Protein backbone atom coordinates (compact mmCIF):
# COMPACT_ATOMS: atom_id res chain seq x y z
CA MET A 1 45.78 -26.79 61.70
CA LEU A 2 48.66 -24.75 63.10
CA GLN A 3 48.67 -26.75 66.32
CA VAL A 4 49.03 -30.01 64.41
CA LYS A 5 51.75 -28.63 62.15
CA LEU A 6 53.78 -26.96 64.91
CA GLN A 7 53.09 -29.69 67.49
CA CYS A 8 52.49 -27.14 70.22
CA THR A 9 49.88 -26.73 72.95
CA MET A 10 46.66 -24.85 72.14
CA ILE A 11 44.70 -22.98 74.80
CA HIS A 12 41.33 -21.46 73.88
CA GLY A 13 40.08 -18.32 75.54
CA ASP A 14 37.02 -20.09 76.94
CA ASP A 15 39.24 -22.81 78.44
CA ILE A 16 41.17 -20.24 80.46
CA TYR A 17 38.12 -19.61 82.64
CA SER A 18 38.06 -23.29 83.57
CA LEU A 19 41.51 -22.85 85.13
CA CYS A 20 39.94 -20.75 87.90
CA PRO A 21 37.46 -22.07 90.50
CA GLU A 22 35.38 -18.92 89.98
CA GLY A 23 35.05 -19.62 86.25
CA LYS A 24 33.79 -16.62 84.27
CA ASP A 25 33.32 -14.70 87.53
CA ALA A 26 37.09 -14.71 88.15
CA SER A 27 38.87 -11.37 88.27
CA VAL A 28 41.37 -10.51 85.56
CA GLN A 29 44.23 -10.89 88.06
CA LYS A 30 43.16 -14.42 89.04
CA LEU A 31 42.57 -15.32 85.41
CA ILE A 32 46.05 -14.23 84.34
CA ALA A 33 47.68 -15.92 87.35
CA ALA A 34 45.97 -19.20 86.43
CA LEU A 35 47.04 -18.82 82.78
CA LYS A 36 50.63 -18.08 83.80
CA LYS A 37 50.70 -21.25 85.89
CA ARG A 38 49.39 -23.22 82.90
CA LEU A 39 52.02 -21.74 80.56
CA ASN A 40 54.77 -22.76 83.00
CA GLU A 41 53.85 -26.43 82.66
CA SER A 42 56.27 -28.66 80.77
CA ASP A 43 54.29 -29.01 77.52
CA CYS A 44 54.06 -25.24 77.02
CA GLU A 45 57.66 -24.68 78.12
CA SER A 46 59.14 -27.29 75.81
CA ARG A 47 56.83 -27.20 72.76
CA GLY A 48 55.41 -23.68 72.79
CA TYR A 49 51.78 -22.66 72.72
CA ILE A 50 48.99 -21.00 70.76
CA ILE A 51 46.43 -18.93 72.69
CA VAL A 52 43.20 -18.50 70.73
CA ASP A 53 40.71 -15.66 71.35
CA PHE A 54 42.57 -14.19 74.32
CA PRO A 55 43.20 -11.48 75.44
CA ARG A 56 39.89 -9.94 74.44
CA CYS A 57 40.37 -6.46 75.85
CA GLU A 58 43.02 -3.91 76.80
CA LYS A 59 42.80 -4.73 80.52
CA GLU A 60 43.56 -8.42 79.94
CA ALA A 61 46.45 -7.63 77.57
CA LYS A 62 48.08 -5.26 80.07
CA ALA A 63 47.63 -7.79 82.87
CA LEU A 64 49.44 -10.38 80.72
CA ILE A 65 52.35 -7.99 80.19
CA ASN A 66 52.52 -7.23 83.91
CA GLU A 67 52.98 -10.98 84.51
CA GLY A 68 55.75 -11.16 81.91
CA ILE A 69 53.62 -12.92 79.27
CA PHE A 70 54.25 -11.45 75.82
CA PRO A 71 53.77 -13.36 72.55
CA ASP A 72 56.27 -13.82 69.77
CA TYR A 73 53.44 -13.30 67.29
CA ALA A 74 50.03 -11.64 67.67
CA ILE A 75 47.93 -12.80 64.73
CA PHE A 76 44.82 -10.75 63.90
CA LEU A 77 42.30 -12.30 61.49
CA ASP A 78 40.06 -9.66 59.92
CA ALA A 79 36.99 -10.11 57.71
CA PRO A 80 34.11 -7.88 56.52
CA LEU A 81 30.93 -7.91 58.60
CA LEU A 82 28.85 -9.26 55.70
CA THR A 83 31.22 -12.22 55.31
CA LEU A 84 30.89 -13.08 58.99
CA ILE A 85 27.10 -12.83 58.86
CA GLU A 86 27.02 -15.06 55.77
CA ARG A 87 29.24 -17.68 57.42
CA ALA A 88 27.22 -17.61 60.62
CA SER A 89 23.94 -18.00 58.76
CA GLY A 90 25.00 -21.46 57.60
CA GLU A 91 26.17 -22.74 60.97
CA ARG A 92 24.06 -25.44 62.58
CA MET A 93 24.28 -27.77 65.58
CA ASP A 94 23.15 -31.36 65.96
CA PRO A 95 21.00 -31.34 69.14
CA ASP A 96 21.63 -35.06 69.66
CA ASN A 97 25.41 -34.86 70.12
CA GLY A 98 26.42 -31.19 69.89
CA ASP A 99 28.37 -31.60 66.63
CA LEU A 100 28.72 -28.40 64.59
CA TYR A 101 28.22 -28.10 60.84
CA ASN A 102 28.08 -25.41 58.18
CA LEU A 103 25.52 -25.92 55.45
CA LEU A 104 27.73 -24.10 52.95
CA HIS A 105 31.22 -25.36 53.79
CA ASN A 106 30.80 -28.48 55.94
CA PRO A 107 27.34 -30.06 55.53
CA PRO A 108 26.60 -33.43 57.16
CA ALA A 109 26.84 -36.46 54.89
CA ASP A 110 23.64 -37.94 56.32
CA LEU A 111 20.43 -36.25 55.16
CA ALA A 112 18.66 -37.36 58.34
CA VAL A 113 21.26 -35.50 60.40
CA GLU A 114 20.84 -32.38 58.26
CA ARG A 115 17.09 -32.36 58.86
CA ARG A 116 17.42 -32.27 62.65
CA LEU A 117 20.07 -29.53 62.76
CA VAL A 118 19.18 -26.32 64.61
CA LYS A 119 20.44 -22.75 64.34
CA LEU A 120 22.77 -21.35 66.96
CA THR A 121 21.18 -18.61 69.06
CA GLU A 122 24.45 -16.70 69.28
CA ASN A 123 24.47 -16.36 65.48
CA ASP A 124 21.56 -13.95 65.47
CA GLU A 125 22.42 -11.14 63.03
CA ASP A 126 21.93 -8.37 65.59
CA LEU A 127 24.18 -10.15 68.08
CA ILE A 128 26.86 -10.60 65.42
CA LYS A 129 26.76 -6.88 64.59
CA LYS A 130 27.05 -6.01 68.29
CA ARG A 131 30.01 -8.36 68.82
CA TYR A 132 31.69 -7.11 65.64
CA SER A 133 31.46 -3.51 66.81
CA GLU A 134 32.91 -4.37 70.24
CA TYR A 135 35.63 -6.50 68.62
CA ASN A 136 36.77 -3.64 66.37
CA ARG A 137 36.88 -1.24 69.31
CA GLN A 138 39.05 -3.58 71.37
CA MET A 139 41.26 -4.63 68.45
CA VAL A 140 42.39 -1.04 67.90
CA LEU A 141 43.76 -1.06 71.45
CA LEU A 142 45.21 -4.59 71.23
CA LYS A 143 46.98 -3.90 67.94
CA ARG A 144 48.56 -0.86 69.56
CA ILE A 145 49.72 -2.89 72.58
CA TYR A 146 51.13 -5.70 70.40
CA SER A 147 52.34 -3.42 67.60
CA SER A 148 55.87 -4.86 67.67
CA VAL A 149 54.62 -8.41 67.01
CA ALA A 150 51.23 -7.79 65.35
CA TYR A 151 50.41 -9.30 61.96
CA GLU A 152 47.06 -8.85 60.21
CA PHE A 153 45.58 -11.35 57.75
CA ASN A 154 42.47 -11.20 55.62
CA ALA A 155 40.26 -14.07 56.78
CA ASP A 156 37.95 -13.67 53.78
CA GLN A 157 39.77 -16.31 51.72
CA PRO A 158 39.95 -20.12 51.51
CA ILE A 159 41.01 -21.64 54.82
CA ASN A 160 44.00 -23.47 53.31
CA ASP A 161 45.34 -20.26 51.77
CA LEU A 162 44.97 -18.42 55.07
CA TYR A 163 46.69 -21.26 56.91
CA HIS A 164 49.73 -21.19 54.62
CA PHE A 165 50.06 -17.40 54.88
CA VAL A 166 50.01 -17.54 58.69
CA LEU A 167 52.35 -20.55 58.80
CA ALA A 168 54.87 -18.81 56.55
CA LYS A 169 54.89 -15.80 58.87
CA VAL A 170 55.40 -17.70 62.13
CA ASN A 171 58.08 -19.88 60.53
CA GLN A 172 60.24 -16.88 59.73
CA SER A 173 63.31 -16.65 61.93
CA ARG A 174 63.53 -13.30 63.67
CA ARG A 175 66.84 -12.29 65.19
CA SER A 176 66.30 -10.89 68.65
CA ILE A 177 68.48 -8.11 70.03
CA ALA A 178 68.06 -9.61 73.49
CA LEU A 179 70.95 -11.66 74.84
CA GLN A 180 70.19 -15.31 75.48
CA THR A 181 72.33 -17.51 77.69
CA PRO A 182 73.33 -20.57 75.62
CA LYS A 183 72.19 -23.87 77.07
CA VAL A 184 73.50 -26.59 74.79
CA VAL A 185 73.10 -30.37 74.84
CA LEU A 186 75.51 -32.35 72.65
CA LEU A 187 74.11 -35.66 71.43
CA GLY A 188 75.90 -38.31 69.42
CA TYR A 189 77.52 -41.71 69.38
CA PRO A 190 80.45 -42.29 71.71
CA GLY A 191 83.39 -41.20 69.56
CA ALA A 192 81.43 -38.47 67.75
CA GLY A 193 83.69 -35.82 69.29
CA LYS A 194 81.32 -34.33 71.88
CA HIS A 195 84.02 -33.65 74.49
CA THR A 196 86.33 -32.12 71.89
CA GLN A 197 83.63 -29.74 70.67
CA ALA A 198 82.55 -28.90 74.22
CA HIS A 199 86.15 -27.89 74.97
CA LEU A 200 86.31 -25.68 71.85
CA LEU A 201 83.00 -23.98 72.69
CA ALA A 202 84.13 -23.40 76.26
CA LYS A 203 87.41 -21.92 75.06
CA LYS A 204 85.85 -19.51 72.53
CA TYR A 205 82.63 -18.50 74.27
CA GLY A 206 83.32 -19.13 77.93
CA LEU A 207 80.52 -21.68 78.21
CA ILE A 208 80.75 -24.11 81.12
CA PRO A 209 81.27 -27.73 79.98
CA VAL A 210 79.29 -30.16 82.14
CA ASP A 211 80.07 -33.87 81.74
CA CYS A 212 77.54 -36.15 83.42
CA GLY A 213 80.05 -38.93 84.01
CA HIS A 214 82.55 -36.55 85.59
CA LEU A 215 79.81 -35.13 87.83
CA ILE A 216 79.02 -38.58 89.19
CA LEU A 217 82.68 -39.41 89.86
CA ARG A 218 83.23 -36.03 91.51
CA GLU A 219 80.29 -36.51 93.87
CA VAL A 220 81.57 -39.97 94.76
CA ALA A 221 85.11 -38.63 95.35
CA ASN A 222 83.79 -35.76 97.49
CA ARG A 223 81.82 -38.25 99.61
CA SER A 224 78.74 -36.07 99.53
CA SER A 225 75.45 -37.56 100.67
CA VAL A 226 74.32 -38.19 97.11
CA GLY A 227 77.85 -39.33 96.21
CA ASN A 228 77.74 -42.03 98.86
CA ILE A 229 74.46 -43.26 97.41
CA MET A 230 75.89 -43.35 93.89
CA LYS A 231 79.10 -45.03 95.04
CA THR A 232 77.30 -48.35 95.48
CA TYR A 233 76.12 -48.30 91.87
CA VAL A 234 79.49 -47.14 90.50
CA GLN A 235 81.42 -49.86 92.35
CA LYS A 236 79.08 -52.52 90.96
CA ASN A 237 79.34 -50.97 87.47
CA ILE A 238 75.56 -50.58 87.15
CA PRO A 239 73.70 -47.42 86.02
CA VAL A 240 72.85 -44.87 88.71
CA PRO A 241 69.04 -44.35 88.87
CA ASP A 242 67.81 -41.56 86.60
CA ALA A 243 66.14 -39.66 89.45
CA ILE A 244 69.47 -39.33 91.28
CA VAL A 245 71.49 -38.38 88.20
CA SER A 246 68.96 -35.78 87.05
CA GLU A 247 69.08 -34.15 90.48
CA VAL A 248 72.90 -33.99 90.35
CA VAL A 249 72.81 -32.51 86.83
CA ARG A 250 70.12 -30.00 87.80
CA ASN A 251 72.11 -28.81 90.81
CA ARG A 252 75.23 -28.29 88.66
CA LEU A 253 73.40 -26.40 85.92
CA ASN A 254 71.78 -24.13 88.50
CA LYS A 255 75.14 -22.96 89.89
CA ILE A 256 76.05 -19.34 89.29
CA ASP A 257 78.72 -20.00 86.62
CA CYS A 258 76.34 -22.00 84.42
CA MET A 259 73.51 -19.52 84.97
CA THR A 260 75.79 -16.60 84.05
CA TYR A 261 77.88 -17.92 81.15
CA GLY A 262 75.73 -20.74 79.80
CA TRP A 263 76.54 -24.44 79.65
CA ILE A 264 77.29 -27.39 77.38
CA LEU A 265 75.93 -30.70 78.65
CA VAL A 266 77.62 -33.92 77.52
CA GLY A 267 76.55 -37.47 78.34
CA TYR A 268 73.02 -36.59 79.43
CA PRO A 269 70.20 -37.08 78.65
CA ARG A 270 70.60 -40.49 77.02
CA THR A 271 66.92 -41.48 77.04
CA ARG A 272 63.60 -39.71 76.65
CA GLN A 273 62.82 -40.44 80.30
CA GLN A 274 65.97 -38.59 81.34
CA ALA A 275 65.02 -35.67 79.09
CA GLU A 276 61.59 -35.55 80.72
CA LEU A 277 63.21 -35.54 84.17
CA LEU A 278 65.32 -32.54 83.16
CA SER A 279 62.18 -30.74 82.01
CA SER A 280 60.50 -31.53 85.32
CA HIS A 281 63.44 -29.73 86.97
CA LYS A 282 62.85 -26.71 84.67
CA VAL A 283 66.03 -27.41 82.68
CA TYR A 284 65.36 -26.54 79.03
CA PRO A 285 68.21 -26.39 76.48
CA THR A 286 68.20 -23.64 73.87
CA ARG A 287 69.92 -25.97 71.39
CA VAL A 288 70.26 -29.73 71.12
CA ILE A 289 73.10 -30.49 68.71
CA LEU A 290 72.98 -33.94 67.11
CA MET A 291 76.53 -34.80 66.07
CA ASP A 292 75.70 -37.20 63.27
CA ILE A 293 78.16 -39.91 62.19
CA ASP A 294 77.82 -43.49 60.98
CA GLN A 295 78.00 -46.19 63.62
CA SER A 296 80.98 -47.74 61.83
CA CYS A 297 82.83 -44.41 61.94
CA ALA A 298 82.15 -44.09 65.67
CA SER A 299 83.42 -47.62 66.24
CA GLU A 300 86.62 -46.90 64.30
CA ARG A 301 87.28 -43.74 66.31
CA LEU A 302 86.83 -45.52 69.64
CA SER A 303 88.83 -48.64 68.83
CA GLY A 304 91.81 -46.57 67.66
CA ARG A 305 92.18 -44.53 70.84
CA ARG A 306 95.26 -45.12 73.00
CA ILE A 307 96.53 -43.71 76.29
CA ASP A 308 100.06 -43.59 77.73
CA PRO A 309 99.81 -45.01 81.28
CA ILE A 310 102.78 -42.91 82.44
CA THR A 311 102.17 -39.43 80.97
CA GLY A 312 98.42 -39.68 80.40
CA ILE A 313 98.85 -38.55 76.79
CA CYS A 314 95.98 -39.67 74.54
CA PHE A 315 96.22 -40.16 70.79
CA HIS A 316 94.59 -42.03 67.92
CA THR A 317 96.49 -44.63 65.94
CA ALA A 318 94.85 -43.68 62.64
CA PHE A 319 94.79 -39.89 62.90
CA GLU A 320 97.83 -38.93 64.98
CA SER A 321 101.42 -40.09 64.62
CA MET A 322 103.28 -40.39 67.93
CA GLU A 323 106.89 -39.24 67.44
CA ASP A 324 107.98 -40.61 70.82
CA VAL A 325 108.56 -44.30 70.12
CA CYS A 326 108.50 -45.18 73.82
CA ILE A 327 105.04 -43.72 74.27
CA SER A 328 103.83 -45.44 71.13
CA GLN A 329 105.12 -48.82 72.34
CA ARG A 330 103.73 -48.68 75.88
CA ALA A 331 100.39 -47.03 75.01
CA LEU A 332 97.36 -49.04 76.02
CA GLN A 333 93.81 -49.36 74.82
CA ARG A 334 91.30 -48.53 77.54
CA PRO A 335 88.91 -51.37 78.41
CA ASN A 336 85.98 -49.12 77.44
CA ASP A 337 87.38 -48.82 73.91
CA GLU A 338 87.63 -52.55 73.26
CA GLU A 339 85.25 -54.04 70.71
CA ASP A 340 83.17 -55.95 73.25
CA ALA A 341 82.54 -52.74 75.20
CA ILE A 342 81.96 -50.48 72.18
CA SER A 343 79.13 -52.39 70.54
CA PRO A 344 76.63 -52.21 73.45
CA LYS A 345 77.26 -48.46 73.91
CA LEU A 346 76.62 -47.74 70.25
CA SER A 347 73.49 -49.90 70.25
CA ARG A 348 72.08 -48.11 73.31
CA PHE A 349 72.46 -44.73 71.65
CA THR A 350 70.84 -46.00 68.44
CA ALA A 351 67.88 -47.36 70.42
CA ASN A 352 67.20 -44.06 72.20
CA ARG A 353 68.30 -41.46 69.65
CA ASP A 354 65.00 -40.95 67.82
CA ASP A 355 62.96 -40.62 71.03
CA ILE A 356 65.24 -37.87 72.33
CA ILE A 357 65.20 -36.05 68.98
CA VAL A 358 61.40 -36.13 68.87
CA TYR A 359 61.20 -34.85 72.45
CA TYR A 360 63.49 -31.89 71.73
CA ASP A 361 62.24 -31.48 68.17
CA SER A 362 61.86 -27.69 68.18
CA CYS A 363 65.50 -27.00 69.13
CA VAL A 364 67.40 -29.90 67.50
CA VAL A 365 70.06 -29.10 64.90
CA LYS A 366 71.97 -31.85 63.11
CA VAL A 367 75.63 -31.33 62.22
CA HIS A 368 77.91 -33.60 60.20
CA ALA A 369 80.41 -34.85 62.78
CA ASP A 370 82.36 -37.04 60.34
CA ARG A 371 84.33 -34.02 59.10
CA ASP A 372 87.50 -32.45 60.51
CA ILE A 373 87.30 -30.94 64.00
CA HIS A 374 87.25 -27.29 62.95
CA THR A 375 84.62 -27.76 60.24
CA VAL A 376 82.38 -29.51 62.76
CA PHE A 377 82.98 -26.69 65.23
CA GLU A 378 81.94 -24.10 62.64
CA GLU A 379 78.70 -26.00 62.02
CA ILE A 380 77.94 -26.18 65.74
CA GLU A 381 78.84 -22.53 66.18
CA THR A 382 76.44 -21.54 63.40
CA ALA A 383 73.67 -23.66 64.93
CA ILE A 384 74.09 -21.97 68.31
CA VAL A 385 74.45 -18.38 67.08
CA ASN A 386 71.71 -18.34 64.43
CA PRO A 387 68.05 -18.10 65.57
CA LEU A 388 65.60 -20.97 65.31
CA PRO A 389 61.96 -20.54 64.20
CA ARG A 390 59.81 -19.64 67.22
CA PHE A 391 56.28 -21.02 67.51
CA ASN A 392 54.91 -19.27 70.62
CA PHE A 393 52.31 -16.79 69.47
CA VAL A 394 48.83 -15.50 70.14
CA LYS A 395 46.18 -16.01 67.50
């Protein structure tokens, strides 16, 4: 239920053994190494994970910590022994297909199926008592290890009630005292003000603004090996292949200034495929800011932009009055801001917006970009500074 609600990856304790060639004979070290490799895969990195029924003992928990694996939440479900015995007594399995039922809570609809059900050997009362005793002994140690993130819930209650209690806990935002390097992607229509806000964030927080378009032009101008490849596409005014662009972006974001101060990425990704390529390069934003404006508003902002071909001064005919009459008279509209060029750009963003938002769902924050510059900045600032709900936890 939590996995479906939080849209994260679930890994069961028994499945962890299948990650090792030795299976259940694998040493704790090999088991944890295999689990760490699994948690580093893109689905766990981007969407979070739930680990069920693991670790089961102090040794496994300490091995996880030694590998740098520590949950945001450690959920302990407790119930009286008699309740567990009662629940187990009603559990049955269909020998024909392996389906599991509970005669009290989830009986089969077909009477013929019910008649052929068999008891589970592991639900013998003596075995349950033995497992319960071992569980309690280990849980004392595990609760001590995970004391800073441990939460106990009474499992002797309706499943829906228990689910909502646990969900409410893991949905609570917890402010961490640890410093986190901001890694911000600005999304929005052309004309939403992404470059303006990136400049303001860079000025106040020292973040490194990274513009995908500028990166491409810089590589071409520097005549680097990848720049020479991209030059052919740029000269023909056709999109550079995603694989090449993602590599250029990855290399820039991995430079020491971005790694140290954080970054703001503008102009990329523009499609879900590009977002997936970034993830494959281990580039994961901490915030994806959707600068939300109407398409008509974006079109108005773009069509009103002018540039002085002599001084390079830029202004907007609707929002800024140009006191210098000469500049106002000779100012030109850039070809990219003409109506015929604007419409396709806006349509492309509309076509890909929802896919990108779904992909980055857990870290997307929408701000109202149709307001004045400083109000929009305050919204973005709040979205970056305040914590988001975290969904990585051990159950």
